[in-house]
Amino acid sequence: SLPVLLFDDEKGIRVGDTATHIAALLGRGAEVGRYEVDTAADGERLTRFYEYRGSRFVLVFTLTESHQDPTVTAIYRQ
């Protein structure tokens, strides 16, 4: 898991960023495949798969605080 993921166009994603911020930053076209919702010990989480500027990565969002605009709790690079 990474705390920050930086791209060559000077954009970056950080743990704590919201889903709305990421959609505005990367565009909805960066989302690839399907997403998954599962239940963890601390509540529900949403896993989304992305591809942006040649990088494939996965963002995990926590749904406990907000189903409308969840925050990134983990970043994984593929």
C-alpha atoms as a PDB file:
ATOM      1  CA  SER A   1       0.000   0.000   0.000  1.00  0.00           C
ATOM      2  CA  LEU A   2       1.249   3.473  -0.920  1.00  0.00           C
ATOM      3  CA  PRO A   3       0.462   6.744   0.873  1.00  0.00           C
ATOM      4  CA  VAL A   4       0.812   8.758  -2.373  1.00  0.00           C
ATOM      5  CA  LEU A   5       0.794   7.915  -6.079  1.00  0.00           C
ATOM      6  CA  LEU A   6       2.354  10.540  -8.369  1.00  0.00           C
ATOM      7  CA  PHE A   7       2.095  10.730 -12.161  1.00  0.00           C
ATOM      8  CA  ASP A   8       4.389  12.255 -14.787  1.00  0.00           C
ATOM      9  CA  ASP A   9       1.913  15.105 -15.418  1.00  0.00           C
ATOM     10  CA  GLU A  10       2.406  16.351 -11.832  1.00  0.00           C
ATOM     11  CA  LYS A  11      -0.975  15.047 -10.666  1.00  0.00           C
ATOM     12  CA  GLY A  12      -1.160  12.795  -7.645  1.00  0.00           C
ATOM     13  CA  ILE A  13      -3.487  10.819  -5.422  1.00  0.00           C
ATOM     14  CA  ARG A  14      -3.154  10.661  -1.655  1.00  0.00           C
ATOM     15  CA  VAL A  15      -4.757   8.597   1.077  1.00  0.00           C
ATOM     16  CA  GLY A  16      -7.603  10.786   2.344  1.00  0.00           C
ATOM     17  CA  ASP A  17      -8.594  12.153  -1.096  1.00  0.00           C
ATOM     18  CA  THR A  18     -12.286  11.862  -1.906  1.00  0.00           C
ATOM     19  CA  ALA A  19     -13.880   9.974  -4.795  1.00  0.00           C
ATOM     20  CA  THR A  20     -15.168  13.284  -6.179  1.00  0.00           C
ATOM     21  CA  HIS A  21     -11.661  14.763  -6.151  1.00  0.00           C
ATOM     22  CA  ILE A  22     -10.226  11.719  -7.954  1.00  0.00           C
ATOM     23  CA  ALA A  23     -12.960  11.785 -10.618  1.00  0.00           C
ATOM     24  CA  ALA A  24     -12.246  15.476 -11.261  1.00  0.00           C
ATOM     25  CA  LEU A  25      -8.475  14.914 -11.267  1.00  0.00           C
ATOM     26  CA  LEU A  26      -8.293  11.857 -13.554  1.00  0.00           C
ATOM     27  CA  GLY A  27     -11.666  11.840 -15.305  1.00  0.00           C
ATOM     28  CA  ARG A  28     -14.147   8.969 -15.299  1.00  0.00           C
ATOM     29  CA  GLY A  29     -12.335   7.430 -18.279  1.00  0.00           C
ATOM     30  CA  ALA A  30      -9.523   6.357 -15.939  1.00  0.00           C
ATOM     31  CA  GLU A  31     -11.844   3.890 -14.194  1.00  0.00           C
ATOM     32  CA  VAL A  32     -11.468   0.449 -15.780  1.00  0.00           C
ATOM     33  CA  GLY A  33     -13.327  -2.757 -15.176  1.00  0.00           C
ATOM     34  CA  ARG A  34     -15.862  -3.165 -12.471  1.00  0.00           C
ATOM     35  CA  TYR A  35     -15.792  -2.106  -8.881  1.00  0.00           C
ATOM     36  CA  GLU A  36     -16.289  -4.238  -5.788  1.00  0.00           C
ATOM     37  CA  VAL A  37     -18.022  -3.502  -2.494  1.00  0.00           C
ATOM     38  CA  ASP A  38     -17.225  -5.733   0.467  1.00  0.00           C
ATOM     39  CA  THR A  39     -17.582  -5.717   4.227  1.00  0.00           C
ATOM     40  CA  ALA A  40     -14.509  -5.436   6.433  1.00  0.00           C
ATOM     41  CA  ALA A  41     -14.121  -5.335  10.210  1.00  0.00           C
ATOM     42  CA  ASP A  42     -14.372  -1.522  10.168  1.00  0.00           C
ATOM     43  CA  GLY A  43     -17.371  -1.329   7.798  1.00  0.00           C
ATOM     44  CA  GLU A  44     -17.972  -1.378   4.070  1.00  0.00           C
ATOM     45  CA  ARG A  45     -15.282  -0.583   1.539  1.00  0.00           C
ATOM     46  CA  LEU A  46     -15.321   0.091  -2.174  1.00  0.00           C
ATOM     47  CA  THR A  47     -12.488  -1.088  -4.434  1.00  0.00           C
ATOM     48  CA  ARG A  48     -12.081   0.592  -7.843  1.00  0.00           C
ATOM     49  CA  PHE A  49      -9.594  -0.212 -10.601  1.00  0.00           C
ATOM     50  CA  TYR A  50      -7.902   2.539 -12.638  1.00  0.00           C
ATOM     51  CA  GLU A  51      -5.525   3.092 -15.530  1.00  0.00           C
ATOM     52  CA  TYR A  52      -3.994   6.531 -16.011  1.00  0.00           C
ATOM     53  CA  ARG A  53      -0.963   7.573 -18.075  1.00  0.00           C
ATOM     54  CA  GLY A  54       0.254   3.988 -18.396  1.00  0.00           C
ATOM     55  CA  SER A  55      -0.117   3.173 -14.690  1.00  0.00           C
ATOM     56  CA  ARG A  56      -2.586   0.594 -13.442  1.00  0.00           C
ATOM     57  CA  PHE A  57      -3.622   0.925  -9.821  1.00  0.00           C
ATOM     58  CA  VAL A  58      -6.352   0.125  -7.334  1.00  0.00           C
ATOM     59  CA  LEU A  59      -7.967   2.524  -4.878  1.00  0.00           C
ATOM     60  CA  VAL A  60      -9.809   1.343  -1.785  1.00  0.00           C
ATOM     61  CA  PHE A  61     -12.411   3.728  -0.365  1.00  0.00           C
ATOM     62  CA  THR A  62     -14.047   3.560   3.058  1.00  0.00           C
ATOM     63  CA  LEU A  63     -17.820   3.836   2.952  1.00  0.00           C
ATOM     64  CA  THR A  64     -18.325   4.212   6.708  1.00  0.00           C
ATOM     65  CA  GLU A  65     -18.141   7.991   6.733  1.00  0.00           C
ATOM     66  CA  SER A  66     -19.885   8.755   3.453  1.00  0.00           C
ATOM     67  CA  HIS A  67     -21.534   6.676   0.754  1.00  0.00           C
ATOM     68  CA  GLN A  68     -21.850   9.871  -1.316  1.00  0.00           C
ATOM     69  CA  ASP A  69     -18.168  10.871  -1.320  1.00  0.00           C
ATOM     70  CA  PRO A  70     -15.973   8.178   0.254  1.00  0.00           C
ATOM     71  CA  THR A  71     -12.291   8.730   0.996  1.00  0.00           C
ATOM     72  CA  VAL A  72      -9.262   6.748  -0.176  1.00  0.00           C
ATOM     73  CA  THR A  73      -7.892   4.509   2.557  1.00  0.00           C
ATOM     74  CA  ALA A  74      -5.402   2.504   0.460  1.00  0.00           C
ATOM     75  CA  ILE A  75      -3.572   2.780  -2.863  1.00  0.00           C
ATOM     76  CA  TYR A  76      -2.108  -0.281  -4.602  1.00  0.00           C
ATOM     77  CA  ARG A  77      -0.047  -0.296  -7.778  1.00  0.00           C
ATOM     78  CA  GLN A  78      -0.364  -3.226 -10.159  1.00  0.00           C
END
